[in-house]
Amino acid sequence: MFDALQPTGLNNFWAGDFVRELTDEAIAVHLDFGPRVPTVPSLLHLYPMNGAVSRVGIDETAFAYRDVGYVHVFLATDADRHAMPENIAWAREYWAALHPHSAGGGYVNFMTEEGEERIAAAYRENYPRPREIKRRYDPDNLFRVNQNIRPAGV
Protein backbone atom coordinates (compact mmCIF):
# COMPACT_ATOMS: atom_id res chain seq x y z
CA MET A 1 0.00 0.00 0.00
CA PHE A 2 2.85 2.38 0.76
CA ASP A 3 5.10 1.41 -2.18
CA ALA A 4 4.43 4.54 -4.23
CA LEU A 5 4.97 6.80 -1.22
CA GLN A 6 7.94 4.89 0.17
CA PRO A 7 10.23 3.74 -2.64
CA THR A 8 13.11 1.37 -2.01
CA GLY A 9 16.23 2.99 -0.56
CA LEU A 10 14.68 5.25 2.05
CA ASN A 11 15.64 5.08 5.71
CA ASN A 12 12.52 4.74 7.88
CA PHE A 13 11.52 5.18 11.50
CA TRP A 14 7.95 4.39 12.55
CA ALA A 15 6.03 5.08 15.74
CA GLY A 16 2.35 5.22 16.64
CA ASP A 17 -0.43 4.93 19.17
CA PHE A 18 -4.11 4.18 19.38
CA VAL A 19 -6.35 6.99 20.64
CA ARG A 20 -9.91 6.85 21.89
CA GLU A 21 -10.90 10.27 20.56
CA LEU A 22 -9.42 13.35 18.94
CA THR A 23 -9.49 15.86 21.76
CA ASP A 24 -8.84 19.57 21.30
CA GLU A 25 -5.53 19.05 23.12
CA ALA A 26 -4.44 16.29 20.73
CA ILE A 27 -5.45 18.37 17.71
CA ALA A 28 -3.32 21.23 19.10
CA VAL A 29 -0.32 18.87 19.16
CA HIS A 30 -0.95 17.97 15.51
CA LEU A 31 -1.17 21.65 14.61
CA ASP A 32 2.17 22.23 16.33
CA PHE A 33 4.15 19.31 14.92
CA GLY A 34 2.51 18.81 11.51
CA PRO A 35 3.94 21.96 9.91
CA ARG A 36 7.40 20.98 11.17
CA VAL A 37 7.52 17.75 9.15
CA PRO A 38 11.25 17.37 8.33
CA THR A 39 11.02 15.85 4.82
CA VAL A 40 8.36 15.51 2.15
CA PRO A 41 7.96 11.72 2.56
CA SER A 42 7.84 11.97 6.39
CA LEU A 43 4.29 12.04 7.62
CA LEU A 44 1.55 11.41 10.10
CA HIS A 45 -1.20 8.97 9.17
CA LEU A 46 -4.45 9.22 11.11
CA TYR A 47 -6.78 6.28 10.55
CA PRO A 48 -10.28 5.78 11.96
CA MET A 49 -10.71 2.49 13.82
CA ASN A 50 -14.37 1.69 13.49
CA GLY A 51 -16.67 -0.58 11.56
CA ALA A 52 -15.68 -4.24 11.26
CA VAL A 53 -12.70 -3.98 13.61
CA SER A 54 -14.99 -2.94 16.47
CA ARG A 55 -17.44 -5.78 15.87
CA VAL A 56 -14.98 -8.44 17.06
CA GLY A 57 -14.56 -8.94 20.80
CA ILE A 58 -11.35 -7.70 22.41
CA ASP A 59 -10.64 -11.18 23.75
CA GLU A 60 -11.39 -13.02 20.47
CA THR A 61 -7.98 -12.37 18.87
CA ALA A 62 -4.59 -11.11 20.00
CA PHE A 63 -5.43 -7.65 18.61
CA ALA A 64 -6.80 -5.87 21.67
CA TYR A 65 -7.49 -2.28 20.56
CA ARG A 66 -10.94 -2.80 19.07
CA ASP A 67 -12.42 -0.16 21.34
CA VAL A 68 -10.50 2.90 20.13
CA GLY A 69 -11.48 5.61 17.68
CA TYR A 70 -8.23 6.20 15.82
CA VAL A 71 -4.65 5.18 15.29
CA HIS A 72 -2.01 7.77 14.54
CA VAL A 73 1.21 6.65 12.88
CA PHE A 74 4.38 8.70 12.51
CA LEU A 75 6.93 8.05 9.80
CA ALA A 76 10.27 9.81 9.64
CA THR A 77 12.01 8.98 6.39
CA ASP A 78 14.83 10.23 4.21
CA ALA A 79 17.16 8.90 1.53
CA ASP A 80 20.09 10.49 3.41
CA ARG A 81 20.90 8.36 6.46
CA HIS A 82 22.85 11.26 7.94
CA ALA A 83 19.65 13.31 8.11
CA MET A 84 17.78 10.60 10.00
CA PRO A 85 18.70 11.60 13.58
CA GLU A 86 16.91 14.94 13.12
CA ASN A 87 13.97 13.26 11.40
CA ILE A 88 13.71 10.59 14.12
CA ALA A 89 13.82 13.29 16.79
CA TRP A 90 10.78 14.96 15.16
CA ALA A 91 8.84 11.66 15.16
CA ARG A 92 9.80 10.79 18.75
CA GLU A 93 8.94 14.26 20.05
CA TYR A 94 5.64 14.23 18.16
CA TRP A 95 4.81 10.77 19.55
CA ALA A 96 5.80 11.82 23.09
CA ALA A 97 3.60 14.92 22.90
CA LEU A 98 0.58 12.84 21.79
CA HIS A 99 1.19 9.77 23.95
CA PRO A 100 -0.55 11.23 27.03
CA HIS A 101 -3.72 11.33 24.89
CA SER A 102 -3.32 7.70 23.78
CA ALA A 103 -5.05 4.50 24.81
CA GLY A 104 -1.64 3.17 25.84
CA GLY A 105 -0.46 1.01 22.96
CA GLY A 106 0.17 1.05 19.25
CA TYR A 107 -0.06 -1.21 16.22
CA VAL A 108 3.04 -3.44 16.09
CA ASN A 109 3.49 -3.05 12.32
CA PHE A 110 4.15 0.64 12.93
CA MET A 111 6.79 0.22 15.62
CA THR A 112 10.52 0.35 15.28
CA GLU A 113 12.80 0.04 18.31
CA GLU A 114 10.41 0.47 21.20
CA GLY A 115 11.19 -2.41 23.53
CA GLU A 116 9.29 -5.18 25.24
CA GLU A 117 7.08 -2.90 27.33
CA ARG A 118 5.62 -1.31 24.19
CA ILE A 119 5.15 -4.74 22.58
CA ALA A 120 3.19 -5.90 25.64
CA ALA A 121 1.15 -2.67 25.58
CA ALA A 122 0.25 -3.36 21.94
CA TYR A 123 -1.58 -6.52 23.03
CA ARG A 124 -2.81 -5.34 26.45
CA GLU A 125 -4.41 -8.17 28.44
CA ASN A 126 -4.12 -10.45 25.38
CA TYR A 127 -0.29 -10.48 25.50
CA PRO A 128 -0.09 -13.93 27.18
CA ARG A 129 -1.79 -15.52 24.14
CA PRO A 130 0.90 -14.75 21.53
CA ARG A 131 3.60 -15.52 24.14
CA GLU A 132 2.08 -18.97 24.68
CA ILE A 133 1.86 -19.58 20.91
CA LYS A 134 5.48 -18.46 20.59
CA ARG A 135 6.49 -20.88 23.38
CA ARG A 136 4.72 -23.70 21.58
CA TYR A 137 5.99 -23.08 18.03
CA ASP A 138 9.22 -21.11 18.55
CA PRO A 139 10.53 -21.92 22.03
CA ASP A 140 14.10 -20.96 21.07
CA ASN A 141 12.89 -17.55 19.84
CA LEU A 142 14.39 -18.01 16.36
CA PHE A 143 11.92 -15.50 14.91
CA ARG A 144 12.94 -12.57 17.10
CA VAL A 145 13.60 -9.74 14.66
CA ASN A 146 11.43 -6.61 14.69
CA GLN A 147 8.75 -6.52 17.38
CA ASN A 148 9.73 -9.67 19.21
CA ILE A 149 7.25 -11.52 21.36
CA ARG A 150 9.30 -13.56 23.82
CA PRO A 151 8.03 -17.09 24.36
CA ALA A 152 6.14 -17.64 27.61
CA GLY A 153 8.48 -18.76 30.36
CA VAL A 154 11.52 -17.04 28.82
C-alpha atoms as a PDB file:
ATOM      1  CA  MET A   1       0.000   0.000   0.000  1.00  0.00           C
ATOM      2  CA  PHE A   2       2.852   2.380   0.757  1.00  0.00           C
ATOM      3  CA  ASP A   3       5.104   1.409  -2.180  1.00  0.00           C
ATOM      4  CA  ALA A   4       4.430   4.538  -4.225  1.00  0.00           C
ATOM      5  CA  LEU A   5       4.971   6.802  -1.220  1.00  0.00           C
ATOM      6  CA  GLN A   6       7.944   4.888   0.168  1.00  0.00           C
ATOM      7  CA  PRO A   7      10.228   3.742  -2.644  1.00  0.00           C
ATOM      8  CA  THR A   8      13.109   1.374  -2.006  1.00  0.00           C
ATOM      9  CA  GLY A   9      16.226   2.988  -0.564  1.00  0.00           C
ATOM     10  CA  LEU A  10      14.681   5.250   2.047  1.00  0.00           C
ATOM     11  CA  ASN A  11      15.635   5.081   5.714  1.00  0.00           C
ATOM     12  CA  ASN A  12      12.522   4.743   7.882  1.00  0.00           C
ATOM     13  CA  PHE A  13      11.524   5.184  11.500  1.00  0.00           C
ATOM     14  CA  TRP A  14       7.951   4.387  12.551  1.00  0.00           C
ATOM     15  CA  ALA A  15       6.026   5.082  15.745  1.00  0.00           C
ATOM     16  CA  GLY A  16       2.354   5.223  16.635  1.00  0.00           C
ATOM     17  CA  ASP A  17      -0.426   4.926  19.167  1.00  0.00           C
ATOM     18  CA  PHE A  18      -4.108   4.175  19.383  1.00  0.00           C
ATOM     19  CA  VAL A  19      -6.347   6.993  20.638  1.00  0.00           C
ATOM     20  CA  ARG A  20      -9.909   6.847  21.887  1.00  0.00           C
ATOM     21  CA  GLU A  21     -10.904  10.267  20.562  1.00  0.00           C
ATOM     22  CA  LEU A  22      -9.419  13.348  18.944  1.00  0.00           C
ATOM     23  CA  THR A  23      -9.493  15.860  21.756  1.00  0.00           C
ATOM     24  CA  ASP A  24      -8.839  19.566  21.300  1.00  0.00           C
ATOM     25  CA  GLU A  25      -5.534  19.047  23.118  1.00  0.00           C
ATOM     26  CA  ALA A  26      -4.443  16.288  20.733  1.00  0.00           C
ATOM     27  CA  ILE A  27      -5.447  18.370  17.711  1.00  0.00           C
ATOM     28  CA  ALA A  28      -3.324  21.230  19.096  1.00  0.00           C
ATOM     29  CA  VAL A  29      -0.322  18.865  19.165  1.00  0.00           C
ATOM     30  CA  HIS A  30      -0.955  17.969  15.506  1.00  0.00           C
ATOM     31  CA  LEU A  31      -1.174  21.652  14.610  1.00  0.00           C
ATOM     32  CA  ASP A  32       2.165  22.232  16.333  1.00  0.00           C
ATOM     33  CA  PHE A  33       4.148  19.306  14.920  1.00  0.00           C
ATOM     34  CA  GLY A  34       2.507  18.807  11.514  1.00  0.00           C
ATOM     35  CA  PRO A  35       3.937  21.961   9.909  1.00  0.00           C
ATOM     36  CA  ARG A  36       7.395  20.977  11.168  1.00  0.00           C
ATOM     37  CA  VAL A  37       7.523  17.750   9.145  1.00  0.00           C
ATOM     38  CA  PRO A  38      11.247  17.373   8.328  1.00  0.00           C
ATOM     39  CA  THR A  39      11.020  15.850   4.819  1.00  0.00           C
ATOM     40  CA  VAL A  40       8.361  15.509   2.148  1.00  0.00           C
ATOM     41  CA  PRO A  41       7.960  11.722   2.556  1.00  0.00           C
ATOM     42  CA  SER A  42       7.841  11.967   6.389  1.00  0.00           C
ATOM     43  CA  LEU A  43       4.290  12.044   7.617  1.00  0.00           C
ATOM     44  CA  LEU A  44       1.546  11.407  10.096  1.00  0.00           C
ATOM     45  CA  HIS A  45      -1.201   8.972   9.171  1.00  0.00           C
ATOM     46  CA  LEU A  46      -4.451   9.222  11.108  1.00  0.00           C
ATOM     47  CA  TYR A  47      -6.779   6.277  10.551  1.00  0.00           C
ATOM     48  CA  PRO A  48     -10.277   5.776  11.958  1.00  0.00           C
ATOM     49  CA  MET A  49     -10.707   2.494  13.822  1.00  0.00           C
ATOM     50  CA  ASN A  50     -14.370   1.692  13.488  1.00  0.00           C
ATOM     51  CA  GLY A  51     -16.671  -0.583  11.559  1.00  0.00           C
ATOM     52  CA  ALA A  52     -15.677  -4.236  11.264  1.00  0.00           C
ATOM     53  CA  VAL A  53     -12.696  -3.977  13.610  1.00  0.00           C
ATOM     54  CA  SER A  54     -14.985  -2.938  16.467  1.00  0.00           C
ATOM     55  CA  ARG A  55     -17.445  -5.779  15.867  1.00  0.00           C
ATOM     56  CA  VAL A  56     -14.977  -8.436  17.063  1.00  0.00           C
ATOM     57  CA  GLY A  57     -14.560  -8.938  20.800  1.00  0.00           C
ATOM     58  CA  ILE A  58     -11.346  -7.699  22.405  1.00  0.00           C
ATOM     59  CA  ASP A  59     -10.636 -11.183  23.754  1.00  0.00           C
ATOM     60  CA  GLU A  60     -11.387 -13.018  20.469  1.00  0.00           C
ATOM     61  CA  THR A  61      -7.984 -12.365  18.873  1.00  0.00           C
ATOM     62  CA  ALA A  62      -4.586 -11.112  20.003  1.00  0.00           C
ATOM     63  CA  PHE A  63      -5.434  -7.654  18.610  1.00  0.00           C
ATOM     64  CA  ALA A  64      -6.803  -5.866  21.668  1.00  0.00           C
ATOM     65  CA  TYR A  65      -7.493  -2.279  20.556  1.00  0.00           C
ATOM     66  CA  ARG A  66     -10.939  -2.798  19.065  1.00  0.00           C
ATOM     67  CA  ASP A  67     -12.422  -0.156  21.340  1.00  0.00           C
ATOM     68  CA  VAL A  68     -10.497   2.899  20.128  1.00  0.00           C
ATOM     69  CA  GLY A  69     -11.482   5.611  17.684  1.00  0.00           C
ATOM     70  CA  TYR A  70      -8.228   6.202  15.823  1.00  0.00           C
ATOM     71  CA  VAL A  71      -4.645   5.178  15.293  1.00  0.00           C
ATOM     72  CA  HIS A  72      -2.006   7.768  14.542  1.00  0.00           C
ATOM     73  CA  VAL A  73       1.211   6.651  12.883  1.00  0.00           C
ATOM     74  CA  PHE A  74       4.375   8.704  12.514  1.00  0.00           C
ATOM     75  CA  LEU A  75       6.931   8.047   9.802  1.00  0.00           C
ATOM     76  CA  ALA A  76      10.268   9.810   9.645  1.00  0.00           C
ATOM     77  CA  THR A  77      12.008   8.976   6.389  1.00  0.00           C
ATOM     78  CA  ASP A  78      14.833  10.232   4.214  1.00  0.00           C
ATOM     79  CA  ALA A  79      17.162   8.900   1.533  1.00  0.00           C
ATOM     80  CA  ASP A  80      20.091  10.490   3.415  1.00  0.00           C
ATOM     81  CA  ARG A  81      20.898   8.359   6.457  1.00  0.00           C
ATOM     82  CA  HIS A  82      22.855  11.259   7.941  1.00  0.00           C
ATOM     83  CA  ALA A  83      19.653  13.309   8.106  1.00  0.00           C
ATOM     84  CA  MET A  84      17.776  10.599  10.005  1.00  0.00           C
ATOM     85  CA  PRO A  85      18.703  11.603  13.581  1.00  0.00           C
ATOM     86  CA  GLU A  86      16.907  14.942  13.122  1.00  0.00           C
ATOM     87  CA  ASN A  87      13.969  13.255  11.405  1.00  0.00           C
ATOM     88  CA  ILE A  88      13.707  10.594  14.117  1.00  0.00           C
ATOM     89  CA  ALA A  89      13.823  13.293  16.786  1.00  0.00           C
ATOM     90  CA  TRP A  90      10.784  14.959  15.157  1.00  0.00           C
ATOM     91  CA  ALA A  91       8.836  11.660  15.164  1.00  0.00           C
ATOM     92  CA  ARG A  92       9.795  10.791  18.746  1.00  0.00           C
ATOM     93  CA  GLU A  93       8.943  14.261  20.047  1.00  0.00           C
ATOM     94  CA  TYR A  94       5.636  14.231  18.161  1.00  0.00           C
ATOM     95  CA  TRP A  95       4.813  10.771  19.549  1.00  0.00           C
ATOM     96  CA  ALA A  96       5.801  11.816  23.093  1.00  0.00           C
ATOM     97  CA  ALA A  97       3.604  14.919  22.901  1.00  0.00           C
ATOM     98  CA  LEU A  98       0.583  12.838  21.790  1.00  0.00           C
ATOM     99  CA  HIS A  99       1.195   9.770  23.946  1.00  0.00           C
ATOM    100  CA  PRO A 100      -0.545  11.228  27.033  1.00  0.00           C
ATOM    101  CA  HIS A 101      -3.717  11.326  24.893  1.00  0.00           C
ATOM    102  CA  SER A 102      -3.321   7.701  23.777  1.00  0.00           C
ATOM    103  CA  ALA A 103      -5.051   4.498  24.813  1.00  0.00           C
ATOM    104  CA  GLY A 104      -1.636   3.172  25.836  1.00  0.00           C
ATOM    105  CA  GLY A 105      -0.463   1.010  22.958  1.00  0.00           C
ATOM    106  CA  GLY A 106       0.174   1.050  19.249  1.00  0.00           C
ATOM    107  CA  TYR A 107      -0.055  -1.205  16.223  1.00  0.00           C
ATOM    108  CA  VAL A 108       3.044  -3.436  16.089  1.00  0.00           C
ATOM    109  CA  ASN A 109       3.493  -3.051  12.318  1.00  0.00           C
ATOM    110  CA  PHE A 110       4.149   0.644  12.928  1.00  0.00           C
ATOM    111  CA  MET A 111       6.786   0.216  15.621  1.00  0.00           C
ATOM    112  CA  THR A 112      10.518   0.345  15.277  1.00  0.00           C
ATOM    113  CA  GLU A 113      12.800   0.037  18.308  1.00  0.00           C
ATOM    114  CA  GLU A 114      10.415   0.469  21.198  1.00  0.00           C
ATOM    115  CA  GLY A 115      11.189  -2.410  23.529  1.00  0.00           C
ATOM    116  CA  GLU A 116       9.292  -5.176  25.241  1.00  0.00           C
ATOM    117  CA  GLU A 117       7.077  -2.905  27.331  1.00  0.00           C
ATOM    118  CA  ARG A 118       5.618  -1.310  24.190  1.00  0.00           C
ATOM    119  CA  ILE A 119       5.150  -4.738  22.582  1.00  0.00           C
ATOM    120  CA  ALA A 120       3.192  -5.898  25.637  1.00  0.00           C
ATOM    121  CA  ALA A 121       1.154  -2.667  25.580  1.00  0.00           C
ATOM    122  CA  ALA A 122       0.252  -3.365  21.941  1.00  0.00           C
ATOM    123  CA  TYR A 123      -1.581  -6.523  23.026  1.00  0.00           C
ATOM    124  CA  ARG A 124      -2.812  -5.336  26.455  1.00  0.00           C
ATOM    125  CA  GLU A 125      -4.410  -8.171  28.435  1.00  0.00           C
ATOM    126  CA  ASN A 126      -4.120 -10.450  25.385  1.00  0.00           C
ATOM    127  CA  TYR A 127      -0.292 -10.483  25.502  1.00  0.00           C
ATOM    128  CA  PRO A 128      -0.093 -13.928  27.178  1.00  0.00           C
ATOM    129  CA  ARG A 129      -1.795 -15.522  24.137  1.00  0.00           C
ATOM    130  CA  PRO A 130       0.901 -14.746  21.534  1.00  0.00           C
ATOM    131  CA  ARG A 131       3.596 -15.521  24.138  1.00  0.00           C
ATOM    132  CA  GLU A 132       2.077 -18.968  24.676  1.00  0.00           C
ATOM    133  CA  ILE A 133       1.856 -19.579  20.913  1.00  0.00           C
ATOM    134  CA  LYS A 134       5.479 -18.458  20.592  1.00  0.00           C
ATOM    135  CA  ARG A 135       6.485 -20.880  23.380  1.00  0.00           C
ATOM    136  CA  ARG A 136       4.717 -23.704  21.584  1.00  0.00           C
ATOM    137  CA  TYR A 137       5.987 -23.078  18.030  1.00  0.00           C
ATOM    138  CA  ASP A 138       9.219 -21.115  18.548  1.00  0.00           C
ATOM    139  CA  PRO A 139      10.529 -21.916  22.035  1.00  0.00           C
ATOM    140  CA  ASP A 140      14.095 -20.959  21.074  1.00  0.00           C
ATOM    141  CA  ASN A 141      12.889 -17.548  19.835  1.00  0.00           C
ATOM    142  CA  LEU A 142      14.389 -18.011  16.364  1.00  0.00           C
ATOM    143  CA  PHE A 143      11.922 -15.505  14.909  1.00  0.00           C
ATOM    144  CA  ARG A 144      12.943 -12.570  17.096  1.00  0.00           C
ATOM    145  CA  VAL A 145      13.605  -9.737  14.659  1.00  0.00           C
ATOM    146  CA  ASN A 146      11.429  -6.606  14.693  1.00  0.00           C
ATOM    147  CA  GLN A 147       8.751  -6.515  17.378  1.00  0.00           C
ATOM    148  CA  ASN A 148       9.728  -9.667  19.211  1.00  0.00           C
ATOM    149  CA  ILE A 149       7.250 -11.520  21.361  1.00  0.00           C
ATOM    150  CA  ARG A 150       9.295 -13.557  23.816  1.00  0.00           C
ATOM    151  CA  PRO A 151       8.027 -17.093  24.358  1.00  0.00           C
ATOM    152  CA  ALA A 152       6.135 -17.640  27.607  1.00  0.00           C
ATOM    153  CA  GLY A 153       8.478 -18.758  30.365  1.00  0.00           C
ATOM    154  CA  VAL A 154      11.515 -17.035  28.817  1.00  0.00           C
END
